[in-house]
Amino acid sequence: MIQIGVIDDHKLFLKAFVLLLRQISDQLDFKIDAHEITIEGLTKSLDFLNLIFLDLEMEEKNGIELLTELKLSNPDLRIIILSMHTNEKVVRDAMKKGADGYLSKRTDIAELVEAIRTVLTGKVYLGDDINKIITDSADDKLKGKGPINRFNTKMHITKREAEILDLISKGMSNRDMAAQLYISNETVSVHRKNLMKKLGVSSVTGLLKVASELDLI
């Protein structure tokens, strides 16, 4: 049973969306249950939630700030932004902060089902209208294998890899990193290779460039 939480301060929409999620369970390869989640009750809910649909504009809390906090404290939690905001800057900011998906509130049921299925397998999902905005406004550098396709990589970086990346950005050698983290040189090398593979680069310069684009350093 996949547990899904919905955070939105528009109460009527919230209740209707939770009911919709419960009704589409039979269109997925697994059973889901959906819950209305309040900001106050969020901490306790994190113990059982697999996925959260999060609105960006709420009176109690800024959605981007909440997204950042959730991803830092719960990197395995999947989060799909569900918002009326379809501005490219807003979308990119949310994805850069670790969102696993972004849907407009104009989405349909088929797209909703596909988004849930996609993010739960560890991939990023952008709604068709969101993807069009990104593609239409992006320059050649950002198309194809550009940064938008790297956003899902961000939250797949482990805590240890993040530590290694931070030390690399400070110019430390493998030996110095190993000594500071109390691990072997070989282990540092493995983490470095994994980082390069995850970020799709083959040099330290490329690693630091992409890491900077993703706000990892």
N, C-alpha and C. Protein backbone atom coordinates (compact mmCIF):
# COMPACT_ATOMS: atom_id res chain seq x y z
N MET A 1 0.84 -1.20 0.00
CA MET A 1 0.00 0.00 0.00
C MET A 1 0.88 1.25 0.00
N ILE A 2 0.75 2.07 -1.03
CA ILE A 2 1.50 3.32 -1.12
C ILE A 2 0.70 4.42 -0.43
N GLN A 3 1.35 5.10 0.50
CA GLN A 3 0.69 6.16 1.26
C GLN A 3 1.05 7.52 0.66
N ILE A 4 0.03 8.26 0.27
CA ILE A 4 0.22 9.56 -0.37
C ILE A 4 -0.39 10.66 0.47
N GLY A 5 0.36 11.71 0.70
CA GLY A 5 -0.14 12.87 1.43
C GLY A 5 -0.35 14.04 0.50
N VAL A 6 -1.31 14.89 0.82
CA VAL A 6 -1.57 16.09 0.02
C VAL A 6 -1.55 17.30 0.94
N ILE A 7 -0.72 18.28 0.58
CA ILE A 7 -0.61 19.51 1.36
C ILE A 7 -1.07 20.68 0.51
N ASP A 8 -2.19 21.26 0.89
CA ASP A 8 -2.78 22.38 0.14
C ASP A 8 -3.72 23.11 1.08
N ASP A 9 -3.65 24.43 1.10
CA ASP A 9 -4.51 25.16 2.04
C ASP A 9 -5.86 25.55 1.46
N HIS A 10 -6.16 25.10 0.23
CA HIS A 10 -7.50 25.27 -0.33
C HIS A 10 -8.30 24.02 0.05
N LYS A 11 -9.09 24.13 1.08
CA LYS A 11 -9.71 22.96 1.70
C LYS A 11 -10.61 22.17 0.77
N LEU A 12 -11.39 22.86 -0.06
CA LEU A 12 -12.29 22.15 -0.96
C LEU A 12 -11.49 21.35 -1.99
N PHE A 13 -10.47 22.00 -2.56
CA PHE A 13 -9.62 21.30 -3.52
C PHE A 13 -8.92 20.12 -2.84
N LEU A 14 -8.43 20.34 -1.64
CA LEU A 14 -7.71 19.30 -0.91
C LEU A 14 -8.57 18.05 -0.73
N LYS A 15 -9.79 18.24 -0.26
CA LYS A 15 -10.67 17.10 -0.02
C LYS A 15 -11.02 16.38 -1.33
N ALA A 16 -11.27 17.16 -2.37
CA ALA A 16 -11.64 16.57 -3.65
C ALA A 16 -10.46 15.80 -4.25
N PHE A 17 -9.26 16.33 -4.10
CA PHE A 17 -8.09 15.68 -4.67
C PHE A 17 -7.76 14.38 -3.94
N VAL A 18 -7.90 14.40 -2.64
CA VAL A 18 -7.67 13.18 -1.85
C VAL A 18 -8.65 12.09 -2.27
N LEU A 19 -9.90 12.45 -2.45
CA LEU A 19 -10.91 11.47 -2.90
C LEU A 19 -10.56 10.93 -4.28
N LEU A 20 -10.09 11.82 -5.16
CA LEU A 20 -9.71 11.40 -6.51
C LEU A 20 -8.55 10.40 -6.45
N LEU A 21 -7.57 10.67 -5.63
CA LEU A 21 -6.43 9.77 -5.51
C LEU A 21 -6.87 8.38 -5.05
N ARG A 22 -7.80 8.33 -4.13
CA ARG A 22 -8.29 7.05 -3.64
C ARG A 22 -9.04 6.29 -4.74
N GLN A 23 -9.70 7.05 -5.62
CA GLN A 23 -10.49 6.42 -6.68
C GLN A 23 -9.64 5.88 -7.82
N ILE A 24 -8.45 6.46 -8.03
CA ILE A 24 -7.63 6.02 -9.17
C ILE A 24 -6.70 4.87 -8.81
N SER A 25 -6.80 4.38 -7.60
CA SER A 25 -5.91 3.30 -7.16
C SER A 25 -5.97 2.10 -8.10
N ASP A 26 -7.17 1.81 -8.65
CA ASP A 26 -7.31 0.63 -9.50
C ASP A 26 -6.68 0.81 -10.89
N GLN A 27 -6.20 2.03 -11.19
CA GLN A 27 -5.53 2.28 -12.47
C GLN A 27 -4.01 2.11 -12.36
N LEU A 28 -3.55 1.82 -11.16
CA LEU A 28 -2.13 1.64 -10.93
C LEU A 28 -1.82 0.17 -10.69
N ASP A 29 -0.53 -0.15 -10.67
CA ASP A 29 -0.11 -1.52 -10.45
C ASP A 29 -0.03 -1.86 -8.97
N PHE A 30 -0.45 -0.92 -8.14
CA PHE A 30 -0.37 -1.11 -6.69
C PHE A 30 -1.51 -0.33 -6.04
N LYS A 31 -1.79 -0.62 -4.81
CA LYS A 31 -2.84 0.07 -4.08
C LYS A 31 -2.30 1.34 -3.44
N ILE A 32 -3.11 2.39 -3.42
CA ILE A 32 -2.70 3.62 -2.75
C ILE A 32 -3.77 4.07 -1.77
N ASP A 33 -3.32 4.80 -0.77
CA ASP A 33 -4.23 5.46 0.14
C ASP A 33 -3.77 6.90 0.23
N ALA A 34 -4.70 7.82 0.32
CA ALA A 34 -4.36 9.24 0.31
C ALA A 34 -4.86 9.91 1.58
N HIS A 35 -4.14 10.94 2.00
CA HIS A 35 -4.46 11.61 3.25
C HIS A 35 -4.31 13.12 3.12
N GLU A 36 -5.18 13.85 3.82
CA GLU A 36 -5.02 15.30 3.94
C GLU A 36 -3.95 15.53 5.01
N ILE A 37 -2.94 16.32 4.66
CA ILE A 37 -1.85 16.56 5.59
C ILE A 37 -1.77 18.05 5.91
N THR A 38 -1.73 18.37 7.19
CA THR A 38 -1.57 19.75 7.62
C THR A 38 -0.10 20.02 7.92
N ILE A 39 0.26 21.28 7.91
CA ILE A 39 1.64 21.65 8.24
C ILE A 39 1.96 21.21 9.67
N GLU A 40 0.99 21.38 10.56
CA GLU A 40 1.21 21.02 11.96
C GLU A 40 1.41 19.51 12.14
N GLY A 41 0.70 18.72 11.36
CA GLY A 41 0.77 17.28 11.52
C GLY A 41 1.76 16.59 10.59
N LEU A 42 2.52 17.41 9.87
CA LEU A 42 3.41 16.85 8.85
C LEU A 42 4.50 15.95 9.43
N THR A 43 5.10 16.38 10.52
CA THR A 43 6.20 15.61 11.11
C THR A 43 5.80 14.18 11.42
N LYS A 44 4.64 14.00 12.06
CA LYS A 44 4.18 12.65 12.38
C LYS A 44 3.84 11.86 11.12
N SER A 45 3.33 12.55 10.12
CA SER A 45 2.91 11.88 8.88
C SER A 45 4.11 11.34 8.09
N LEU A 46 5.26 11.95 8.27
CA LEU A 46 6.45 11.53 7.52
C LEU A 46 6.87 10.10 7.84
N ASP A 47 6.41 9.59 8.96
CA ASP A 47 6.78 8.23 9.34
C ASP A 47 6.19 7.18 8.41
N PHE A 48 5.08 7.53 7.72
CA PHE A 48 4.43 6.51 6.89
C PHE A 48 4.22 6.92 5.43
N LEU A 49 4.48 8.18 5.08
CA LEU A 49 4.22 8.64 3.71
C LEU A 49 5.32 8.22 2.74
N ASN A 50 4.91 7.83 1.53
CA ASN A 50 5.84 7.51 0.44
C ASN A 50 5.95 8.66 -0.57
N LEU A 51 4.87 9.42 -0.68
CA LEU A 51 4.79 10.47 -1.70
C LEU A 51 3.92 11.61 -1.18
N ILE A 52 4.32 12.83 -1.52
CA ILE A 52 3.54 14.01 -1.15
C ILE A 52 3.25 14.85 -2.39
N PHE A 53 2.00 15.29 -2.51
CA PHE A 53 1.65 16.32 -3.49
C PHE A 53 1.64 17.63 -2.73
N LEU A 54 2.42 18.58 -3.22
CA LEU A 54 2.63 19.82 -2.48
C LEU A 54 2.28 21.05 -3.31
N ASP A 55 1.43 21.91 -2.76
CA ASP A 55 1.15 23.19 -3.40
C ASP A 55 2.26 24.16 -3.04
N LEU A 56 2.53 25.12 -3.89
CA LEU A 56 3.63 26.05 -3.63
C LEU A 56 3.18 27.30 -2.89
N GLU A 57 1.93 27.68 -3.08
CA GLU A 57 1.47 28.94 -2.50
C GLU A 57 0.49 28.67 -1.37
N MET A 58 0.99 28.78 -0.14
CA MET A 58 0.15 28.56 1.03
C MET A 58 0.37 29.68 2.03
N GLU A 59 -0.65 29.98 2.81
CA GLU A 59 -0.54 31.07 3.78
C GLU A 59 0.39 30.71 4.93
N GLU A 60 0.34 29.46 5.36
CA GLU A 60 1.12 29.06 6.53
C GLU A 60 2.60 28.89 6.25
N LYS A 61 2.94 28.47 5.05
CA LYS A 61 4.33 28.11 4.77
C LYS A 61 4.62 28.28 3.28
N ASN A 62 5.79 28.81 2.98
CA ASN A 62 6.21 28.91 1.60
C ASN A 62 6.51 27.51 1.07
N GLY A 63 5.91 27.15 -0.06
CA GLY A 63 6.04 25.80 -0.59
C GLY A 63 7.46 25.41 -0.94
N ILE A 64 8.23 26.33 -1.50
CA ILE A 64 9.61 26.05 -1.88
C ILE A 64 10.45 25.79 -0.63
N GLU A 65 10.22 26.58 0.41
CA GLU A 65 10.95 26.38 1.66
C GLU A 65 10.62 25.03 2.27
N LEU A 66 9.34 24.67 2.24
CA LEU A 66 8.92 23.39 2.80
C LEU A 66 9.51 22.24 1.98
N LEU A 67 9.51 22.38 0.67
CA LEU A 67 10.09 21.38 -0.21
C LEU A 67 11.56 21.15 0.15
N THR A 68 12.30 22.23 0.31
CA THR A 68 13.72 22.14 0.65
C THR A 68 13.92 21.43 1.98
N GLU A 69 13.15 21.81 2.98
CA GLU A 69 13.26 21.20 4.30
C GLU A 69 12.95 19.71 4.26
N LEU A 70 11.90 19.35 3.53
CA LEU A 70 11.50 17.95 3.45
C LEU A 70 12.56 17.10 2.76
N LYS A 71 13.12 17.62 1.68
CA LYS A 71 14.10 16.84 0.93
C LYS A 71 15.43 16.70 1.68
N LEU A 72 15.77 17.71 2.45
CA LEU A 72 16.99 17.63 3.23
C LEU A 72 16.87 16.62 4.37
N SER A 73 15.69 16.58 4.98
CA SER A 73 15.50 15.68 6.12
C SER A 73 14.98 14.30 5.73
N ASN A 74 14.35 14.21 4.54
CA ASN A 74 13.78 12.94 4.09
C ASN A 74 14.07 12.73 2.61
N PRO A 75 15.32 12.47 2.25
CA PRO A 75 15.69 12.39 0.83
C PRO A 75 14.98 11.30 0.04
N ASP A 76 14.47 10.27 0.71
CA ASP A 76 13.78 9.19 -0.01
C ASP A 76 12.31 9.50 -0.26
N LEU A 77 11.80 10.53 0.38
CA LEU A 77 10.40 10.92 0.19
C LEU A 77 10.22 11.52 -1.20
N ARG A 78 9.24 11.02 -1.94
CA ARG A 78 8.97 11.55 -3.28
C ARG A 78 7.99 12.72 -3.16
N ILE A 79 8.26 13.79 -3.89
CA ILE A 79 7.42 14.99 -3.81
C ILE A 79 7.07 15.48 -5.21
N ILE A 80 5.79 15.62 -5.46
CA ILE A 80 5.30 16.18 -6.73
C ILE A 80 4.66 17.53 -6.43
N ILE A 81 5.13 18.56 -7.11
CA ILE A 81 4.51 19.87 -6.96
C ILE A 81 3.22 19.89 -7.78
N LEU A 82 2.14 20.32 -7.17
CA LEU A 82 0.85 20.44 -7.85
C LEU A 82 0.42 21.88 -7.67
N SER A 83 0.52 22.68 -8.73
CA SER A 83 0.37 24.12 -8.57
C SER A 83 -0.25 24.78 -9.79
N MET A 84 -0.83 25.95 -9.57
CA MET A 84 -1.32 26.76 -10.69
C MET A 84 -0.17 27.51 -11.34
N HIS A 85 0.96 27.61 -10.66
CA HIS A 85 2.12 28.33 -11.20
C HIS A 85 2.82 27.49 -12.25
N THR A 86 2.87 27.99 -13.47
CA THR A 86 3.55 27.28 -14.55
C THR A 86 4.65 28.14 -15.17
N ASN A 87 5.07 29.14 -14.43
CA ASN A 87 6.16 29.99 -14.88
C ASN A 87 7.46 29.20 -14.88
N GLU A 88 8.25 29.36 -15.94
CA GLU A 88 9.48 28.57 -16.07
C GLU A 88 10.41 28.73 -14.87
N LYS A 89 10.57 29.94 -14.39
CA LYS A 89 11.48 30.19 -13.26
C LYS A 89 11.00 29.44 -12.02
N VAL A 90 9.69 29.45 -11.78
CA VAL A 90 9.13 28.76 -10.61
C VAL A 90 9.35 27.25 -10.73
N VAL A 91 9.09 26.73 -11.94
CA VAL A 91 9.27 25.30 -12.17
C VAL A 91 10.71 24.89 -11.95
N ARG A 92 11.63 25.63 -12.55
CA ARG A 92 13.05 25.29 -12.43
C ARG A 92 13.52 25.40 -10.98
N ASP A 93 13.02 26.39 -10.27
CA ASP A 93 13.42 26.56 -8.87
C ASP A 93 12.96 25.36 -8.04
N ALA A 94 11.72 24.94 -8.27
CA ALA A 94 11.19 23.79 -7.53
C ALA A 94 11.97 22.52 -7.84
N MET A 95 12.27 22.30 -9.11
CA MET A 95 13.01 21.11 -9.49
C MET A 95 14.44 21.16 -8.98
N LYS A 96 15.00 22.34 -8.96
CA LYS A 96 16.36 22.51 -8.46
C LYS A 96 16.43 22.23 -6.97
N LYS A 97 15.33 22.49 -6.27
CA LYS A 97 15.30 22.25 -4.83
C LYS A 97 14.98 20.80 -4.50
N GLY A 98 14.79 19.96 -5.53
CA GLY A 98 14.65 18.53 -5.28
C GLY A 98 13.30 17.91 -5.57
N ALA A 99 12.36 18.67 -6.13
CA ALA A 99 11.06 18.09 -6.47
C ALA A 99 11.24 16.93 -7.45
N ASP A 100 10.44 15.90 -7.30
CA ASP A 100 10.52 14.73 -8.17
C ASP A 100 9.57 14.84 -9.36
N GLY A 101 8.65 15.78 -9.28
CA GLY A 101 7.71 15.98 -10.37
C GLY A 101 7.03 17.32 -10.25
N TYR A 102 6.42 17.77 -11.34
CA TYR A 102 5.71 19.05 -11.33
C TYR A 102 4.50 18.92 -12.25
N LEU A 103 3.33 19.15 -11.67
CA LEU A 103 2.08 19.09 -12.43
C LEU A 103 1.31 20.39 -12.26
N SER A 104 0.68 20.83 -13.32
CA SER A 104 -0.26 21.93 -13.23
C SER A 104 -1.57 21.40 -12.65
N LYS A 105 -2.31 22.26 -11.98
CA LYS A 105 -3.61 21.85 -11.44
C LYS A 105 -4.62 21.64 -12.56
N ARG A 106 -4.20 21.89 -13.79
CA ARG A 106 -5.06 21.60 -14.93
C ARG A 106 -4.81 20.19 -15.48
N THR A 107 -4.01 19.41 -14.79
CA THR A 107 -3.67 18.08 -15.25
C THR A 107 -4.90 17.18 -15.33
N ASP A 108 -4.80 16.11 -16.11
CA ASP A 108 -5.92 15.17 -16.19
C ASP A 108 -5.56 13.88 -15.44
N ILE A 109 -6.52 12.97 -15.35
CA ILE A 109 -6.32 11.75 -14.57
C ILE A 109 -5.22 10.87 -15.15
N ALA A 110 -5.18 10.74 -16.47
CA ALA A 110 -4.16 9.90 -17.11
C ALA A 110 -2.76 10.39 -16.77
N GLU A 111 -2.57 11.70 -16.81
CA GLU A 111 -1.26 12.27 -16.51
C GLU A 111 -0.94 12.12 -15.03
N LEU A 112 -1.94 12.26 -14.19
CA LEU A 112 -1.76 12.09 -12.75
C LEU A 112 -1.29 10.68 -12.43
N VAL A 113 -1.93 9.70 -13.03
CA VAL A 113 -1.55 8.30 -12.81
C VAL A 113 -0.12 8.06 -13.27
N GLU A 114 0.23 8.60 -14.44
CA GLU A 114 1.57 8.41 -14.97
C GLU A 114 2.61 9.08 -14.08
N ALA A 115 2.27 10.25 -13.54
CA ALA A 115 3.20 10.97 -12.67
C ALA A 115 3.49 10.17 -11.41
N ILE A 116 2.45 9.61 -10.80
CA ILE A 116 2.63 8.80 -9.59
C ILE A 116 3.50 7.59 -9.88
N ARG A 117 3.17 6.89 -10.95
CA ARG A 117 3.92 5.69 -11.32
C ARG A 117 5.40 6.03 -11.59
N THR A 118 5.63 7.15 -12.26
CA THR A 118 6.99 7.52 -12.65
C THR A 118 7.86 7.90 -11.45
N VAL A 119 7.36 8.78 -10.60
CA VAL A 119 8.21 9.25 -9.48
C VAL A 119 8.46 8.15 -8.46
N LEU A 120 7.53 7.22 -8.33
CA LEU A 120 7.74 6.13 -7.37
C LEU A 120 8.78 5.13 -7.85
N THR A 121 9.15 5.22 -9.13
CA THR A 121 10.23 4.37 -9.64
C THR A 121 11.56 5.12 -9.64
N GLY A 122 11.57 6.29 -9.02
CA GLY A 122 12.81 7.04 -8.89
C GLY A 122 13.12 7.99 -10.02
N LYS A 123 12.15 8.23 -10.90
CA LYS A 123 12.37 9.13 -12.04
C LYS A 123 11.63 10.44 -11.83
N VAL A 124 11.97 11.42 -12.66
CA VAL A 124 11.30 12.72 -12.60
C VAL A 124 10.17 12.77 -13.60
N TYR A 125 9.07 13.42 -13.23
CA TYR A 125 7.95 13.56 -14.16
C TYR A 125 7.53 15.03 -14.24
N LEU A 126 7.47 15.55 -15.47
CA LEU A 126 6.94 16.89 -15.72
C LEU A 126 5.69 16.76 -16.56
N GLY A 127 4.62 17.45 -16.15
CA GLY A 127 3.39 17.43 -16.92
C GLY A 127 3.64 17.93 -18.33
N ASP A 128 2.79 17.54 -19.26
CA ASP A 128 2.98 17.92 -20.67
C ASP A 128 3.07 19.43 -20.85
N ASP A 129 2.18 20.17 -20.18
CA ASP A 129 2.22 21.63 -20.35
C ASP A 129 3.46 22.23 -19.69
N ILE A 130 3.92 21.64 -18.59
CA ILE A 130 5.13 22.10 -17.92
C ILE A 130 6.35 21.82 -18.79
N ASN A 131 6.40 20.62 -19.33
CA ASN A 131 7.52 20.23 -20.18
C ASN A 131 7.62 21.12 -21.41
N LYS A 132 6.46 21.51 -21.95
CA LYS A 132 6.43 22.38 -23.13
C LYS A 132 6.99 23.76 -22.79
N ILE A 133 6.64 24.26 -21.61
CA ILE A 133 7.15 25.57 -21.19
C ILE A 133 8.67 25.53 -21.09
N ILE A 134 9.19 24.47 -20.49
CA ILE A 134 10.63 24.32 -20.32
C ILE A 134 11.32 24.21 -21.69
N THR A 135 10.78 23.36 -22.54
CA THR A 135 11.38 23.13 -23.86
C THR A 135 11.32 24.38 -24.72
N ASP A 136 10.19 25.06 -24.72
CA ASP A 136 10.03 26.24 -25.57
C ASP A 136 10.92 27.39 -25.14
N SER A 137 11.19 27.49 -23.85
CA SER A 137 11.95 28.64 -23.36
C SER A 137 13.43 28.34 -23.20
N ALA A 138 13.81 27.07 -23.28
CA ALA A 138 15.21 26.70 -23.07
C ALA A 138 16.05 26.98 -24.30
N ASP A 139 17.31 27.34 -24.08
CA ASP A 139 18.19 27.49 -25.22
C ASP A 139 18.78 26.12 -25.57
N ASP A 140 19.57 26.04 -26.62
CA ASP A 140 20.09 24.75 -27.08
C ASP A 140 20.86 24.02 -26.00
N LYS A 141 21.52 24.75 -25.15
CA LYS A 141 22.33 24.12 -24.11
C LYS A 141 21.47 23.37 -23.11
N LEU A 142 20.26 23.86 -22.90
CA LEU A 142 19.40 23.27 -21.88
C LEU A 142 18.48 22.19 -22.42
N LYS A 143 18.51 21.96 -23.73
CA LYS A 143 17.65 20.94 -24.32
C LYS A 143 18.30 19.57 -24.26
N GLY A 144 17.50 18.55 -24.53
CA GLY A 144 18.06 17.19 -24.57
C GLY A 144 18.58 16.75 -23.23
N LYS A 145 19.90 16.64 -23.09
CA LYS A 145 20.51 16.15 -21.87
C LYS A 145 20.91 17.28 -20.93
N GLY A 146 20.24 18.42 -21.05
CA GLY A 146 20.59 19.55 -20.22
C GLY A 146 20.17 19.37 -18.78
N PRO A 147 20.32 20.42 -17.96
CA PRO A 147 20.07 20.36 -16.53
C PRO A 147 18.68 19.86 -16.14
N ILE A 148 17.65 20.10 -16.96
CA ILE A 148 16.32 19.66 -16.55
C ILE A 148 16.27 18.15 -16.37
N ASN A 149 17.10 17.42 -17.13
CA ASN A 149 17.12 15.97 -17.00
C ASN A 149 18.05 15.49 -15.89
N ARG A 150 18.76 16.44 -15.27
CA ARG A 150 19.65 16.08 -14.19
C ARG A 150 19.01 16.33 -12.83
N PHE A 151 17.85 16.99 -12.81
CA PHE A 151 17.25 17.34 -11.53
C PHE A 151 17.00 16.12 -10.66
N ASN A 152 16.60 14.99 -11.26
CA ASN A 152 16.31 13.81 -10.47
C ASN A 152 17.57 13.24 -9.82
N THR A 153 18.73 13.62 -10.35
CA THR A 153 20.00 13.13 -9.80
C THR A 153 20.25 13.71 -8.42
N LYS A 154 19.81 14.92 -8.22
CA LYS A 154 20.15 15.64 -7.01
C LYS A 154 19.85 14.86 -5.74
N MET A 155 18.64 14.32 -5.66
CA MET A 155 18.26 13.66 -4.43
C MET A 155 18.68 12.20 -4.40
N HIS A 156 19.40 11.75 -5.40
CA HIS A 156 19.96 10.41 -5.37
C HIS A 156 21.39 10.43 -4.85
N ILE A 157 21.89 11.63 -4.54
CA ILE A 157 23.21 11.76 -3.94
C ILE A 157 23.11 11.37 -2.47
N THR A 158 23.93 10.43 -2.06
CA THR A 158 23.88 9.99 -0.66
C THR A 158 24.53 11.03 0.25
N LYS A 159 24.29 10.89 1.54
CA LYS A 159 24.87 11.82 2.51
C LYS A 159 26.39 11.80 2.43
N ARG A 160 26.98 10.61 2.32
CA ARG A 160 28.44 10.51 2.24
C ARG A 160 28.95 11.14 0.95
N GLU A 161 28.25 10.90 -0.16
CA GLU A 161 28.66 11.50 -1.43
C GLU A 161 28.59 13.02 -1.36
N ALA A 162 27.58 13.53 -0.67
CA ALA A 162 27.46 14.98 -0.51
C ALA A 162 28.64 15.54 0.28
N GLU A 163 29.08 14.78 1.29
CA GLU A 163 30.24 15.21 2.07
C GLU A 163 31.50 15.22 1.20
N ILE A 164 31.66 14.16 0.41
CA ILE A 164 32.81 14.08 -0.50
C ILE A 164 32.78 15.24 -1.49
N LEU A 165 31.60 15.51 -2.04
CA LEU A 165 31.47 16.58 -3.02
C LEU A 165 31.85 17.92 -2.41
N ASP A 166 31.42 18.16 -1.19
CA ASP A 166 31.74 19.41 -0.51
C ASP A 166 33.25 19.55 -0.33
N LEU A 167 33.91 18.46 0.04
CA LEU A 167 35.36 18.50 0.24
C LEU A 167 36.11 18.65 -1.08
N ILE A 168 35.58 18.04 -2.13
CA ILE A 168 36.20 18.20 -3.46
C ILE A 168 36.14 19.68 -3.86
N SER A 169 35.00 20.31 -3.58
CA SER A 169 34.83 21.72 -3.95
C SER A 169 35.81 22.61 -3.19
N LYS A 170 36.30 22.10 -2.06
CA LYS A 170 37.27 22.86 -1.26
C LYS A 170 38.70 22.54 -1.65
N GLY A 171 38.85 21.70 -2.69
CA GLY A 171 40.18 21.41 -3.21
C GLY A 171 40.96 20.37 -2.45
N MET A 172 40.28 19.57 -1.64
CA MET A 172 40.98 18.57 -0.84
C MET A 172 41.34 17.35 -1.67
N SER A 173 42.44 16.73 -1.34
CA SER A 173 42.89 15.52 -2.03
C SER A 173 42.15 14.31 -1.46
N ASN A 174 42.23 13.19 -2.18
CA ASN A 174 41.62 11.95 -1.69
C ASN A 174 42.17 11.56 -0.32
N ARG A 175 43.47 11.71 -0.15
CA ARG A 175 44.11 11.35 1.11
C ARG A 175 43.57 12.20 2.27
N ASP A 176 43.47 13.51 2.02
CA ASP A 176 42.97 14.41 3.07
C ASP A 176 41.51 14.14 3.40
N MET A 177 40.72 13.85 2.35
CA MET A 177 39.30 13.55 2.58
C MET A 177 39.16 12.27 3.39
N ALA A 178 39.96 11.27 3.05
CA ALA A 178 39.91 9.99 3.76
C ALA A 178 40.23 10.19 5.23
N ALA A 179 41.25 11.02 5.51
CA ALA A 179 41.65 11.26 6.89
C ALA A 179 40.55 12.00 7.65
N GLN A 180 39.93 12.98 7.01
CA GLN A 180 38.90 13.77 7.69
C GLN A 180 37.64 12.96 7.96
N LEU A 181 37.30 12.06 7.03
CA LEU A 181 36.06 11.28 7.15
C LEU A 181 36.28 9.90 7.78
N TYR A 182 37.53 9.59 8.10
CA TYR A 182 37.88 8.31 8.72
C TYR A 182 37.49 7.13 7.83
N ILE A 183 37.77 7.26 6.55
CA ILE A 183 37.54 6.18 5.60
C ILE A 183 38.80 5.98 4.77
N SER A 184 38.85 4.92 3.97
CA SER A 184 40.05 4.65 3.18
C SER A 184 40.10 5.48 1.91
N ASN A 185 41.30 5.60 1.33
CA ASN A 185 41.45 6.29 0.05
C ASN A 185 40.61 5.63 -1.03
N GLU A 186 40.56 4.29 -0.99
CA GLU A 186 39.80 3.54 -1.98
C GLU A 186 38.31 3.88 -1.90
N THR A 187 37.81 4.03 -0.67
CA THR A 187 36.39 4.37 -0.49
C THR A 187 36.10 5.76 -1.04
N VAL A 188 37.01 6.69 -0.81
CA VAL A 188 36.85 8.03 -1.36
C VAL A 188 36.79 7.97 -2.87
N SER A 189 37.67 7.18 -3.47
CA SER A 189 37.71 7.04 -4.93
C SER A 189 36.40 6.50 -5.48
N VAL A 190 35.82 5.52 -4.76
CA VAL A 190 34.55 4.93 -5.18
C VAL A 190 33.45 5.99 -5.15
N HIS A 191 33.41 6.77 -4.08
CA HIS A 191 32.40 7.83 -3.97
C HIS A 191 32.58 8.88 -5.06
N ARG A 192 33.82 9.21 -5.35
CA ARG A 192 34.10 10.20 -6.40
C ARG A 192 33.61 9.69 -7.76
N LYS A 193 33.90 8.42 -8.05
CA LYS A 193 33.45 7.83 -9.32
C LYS A 193 31.93 7.79 -9.41
N ASN A 194 31.29 7.44 -8.28
CA ASN A 194 29.82 7.39 -8.26
C ASN A 194 29.22 8.77 -8.50
N LEU A 195 29.83 9.79 -7.92
CA LEU A 195 29.35 11.15 -8.12
C LEU A 195 29.43 11.55 -9.59
N MET A 196 30.56 11.24 -10.21
CA MET A 196 30.74 11.59 -11.62
C MET A 196 29.74 10.85 -12.50
N LYS A 197 29.50 9.59 -12.16
CA LYS A 197 28.54 8.81 -12.93
C LYS A 197 27.13 9.37 -12.78
N LYS A 198 26.75 9.71 -11.56
CA LYS A 198 25.40 10.22 -11.31
C LYS A 198 25.17 11.58 -11.97
N LEU A 199 26.22 12.39 -12.01
CA LEU A 199 26.08 13.72 -12.61
C LEU A 199 26.45 13.75 -14.08
N GLY A 200 26.85 12.60 -14.61
CA GLY A 200 27.11 12.49 -16.04
C GLY A 200 28.32 13.27 -16.52
N VAL A 201 29.39 13.27 -15.70
CA VAL A 201 30.60 14.01 -16.08
C VAL A 201 31.81 13.08 -15.99
N SER A 202 32.93 13.54 -16.55
CA SER A 202 34.13 12.70 -16.55
C SER A 202 35.35 13.41 -15.97
N SER A 203 35.14 14.60 -15.42
CA SER A 203 36.25 15.35 -14.83
C SER A 203 35.78 16.08 -13.59
N VAL A 204 36.75 16.47 -12.76
CA VAL A 204 36.42 17.22 -11.55
C VAL A 204 35.83 18.58 -11.92
N THR A 205 36.37 19.18 -12.97
CA THR A 205 35.84 20.48 -13.42
C THR A 205 34.36 20.36 -13.80
N GLY A 206 34.04 19.31 -14.56
CA GLY A 206 32.65 19.07 -14.94
C GLY A 206 31.79 18.77 -13.74
N LEU A 207 32.34 18.01 -12.80
CA LEU A 207 31.61 17.65 -11.59
C LEU A 207 31.23 18.90 -10.80
N LEU A 208 32.18 19.78 -10.62
CA LEU A 208 31.92 20.99 -9.85
C LEU A 208 30.96 21.93 -10.59
N LYS A 209 31.05 21.96 -11.90
CA LYS A 209 30.14 22.82 -12.69
C LYS A 209 28.70 22.37 -12.54
N VAL A 210 28.47 21.07 -12.75
CA VAL A 210 27.10 20.55 -12.65
C VAL A 210 26.60 20.63 -11.21
N ALA A 211 27.46 20.34 -10.25
CA ALA A 211 27.07 20.41 -8.84
C ALA A 211 26.64 21.82 -8.47
N SER A 212 27.34 22.81 -9.05
CA SER A 212 26.99 24.21 -8.80
C SER A 212 25.64 24.55 -9.40
N GLU A 213 25.38 24.03 -10.62
CA GLU A 213 24.09 24.27 -11.28
C GLU A 213 22.93 23.72 -10.46
N LEU A 214 23.18 22.62 -9.76
CA LEU A 214 22.13 21.97 -8.99
C LEU A 214 22.10 22.42 -7.53
N ASP A 215 22.91 23.44 -7.20
CA ASP A 215 22.99 23.92 -5.81
C ASP A 215 23.42 22.84 -4.84
N LEU A 216 24.28 21.95 -5.29
CA LEU A 216 24.79 20.90 -4.42
C LEU A 216 26.01 21.39 -3.65
N ILE A 217 26.63 22.46 -4.13
CA ILE A 217 27.77 23.05 -3.44
C ILE A 217 27.60 24.56 -3.40
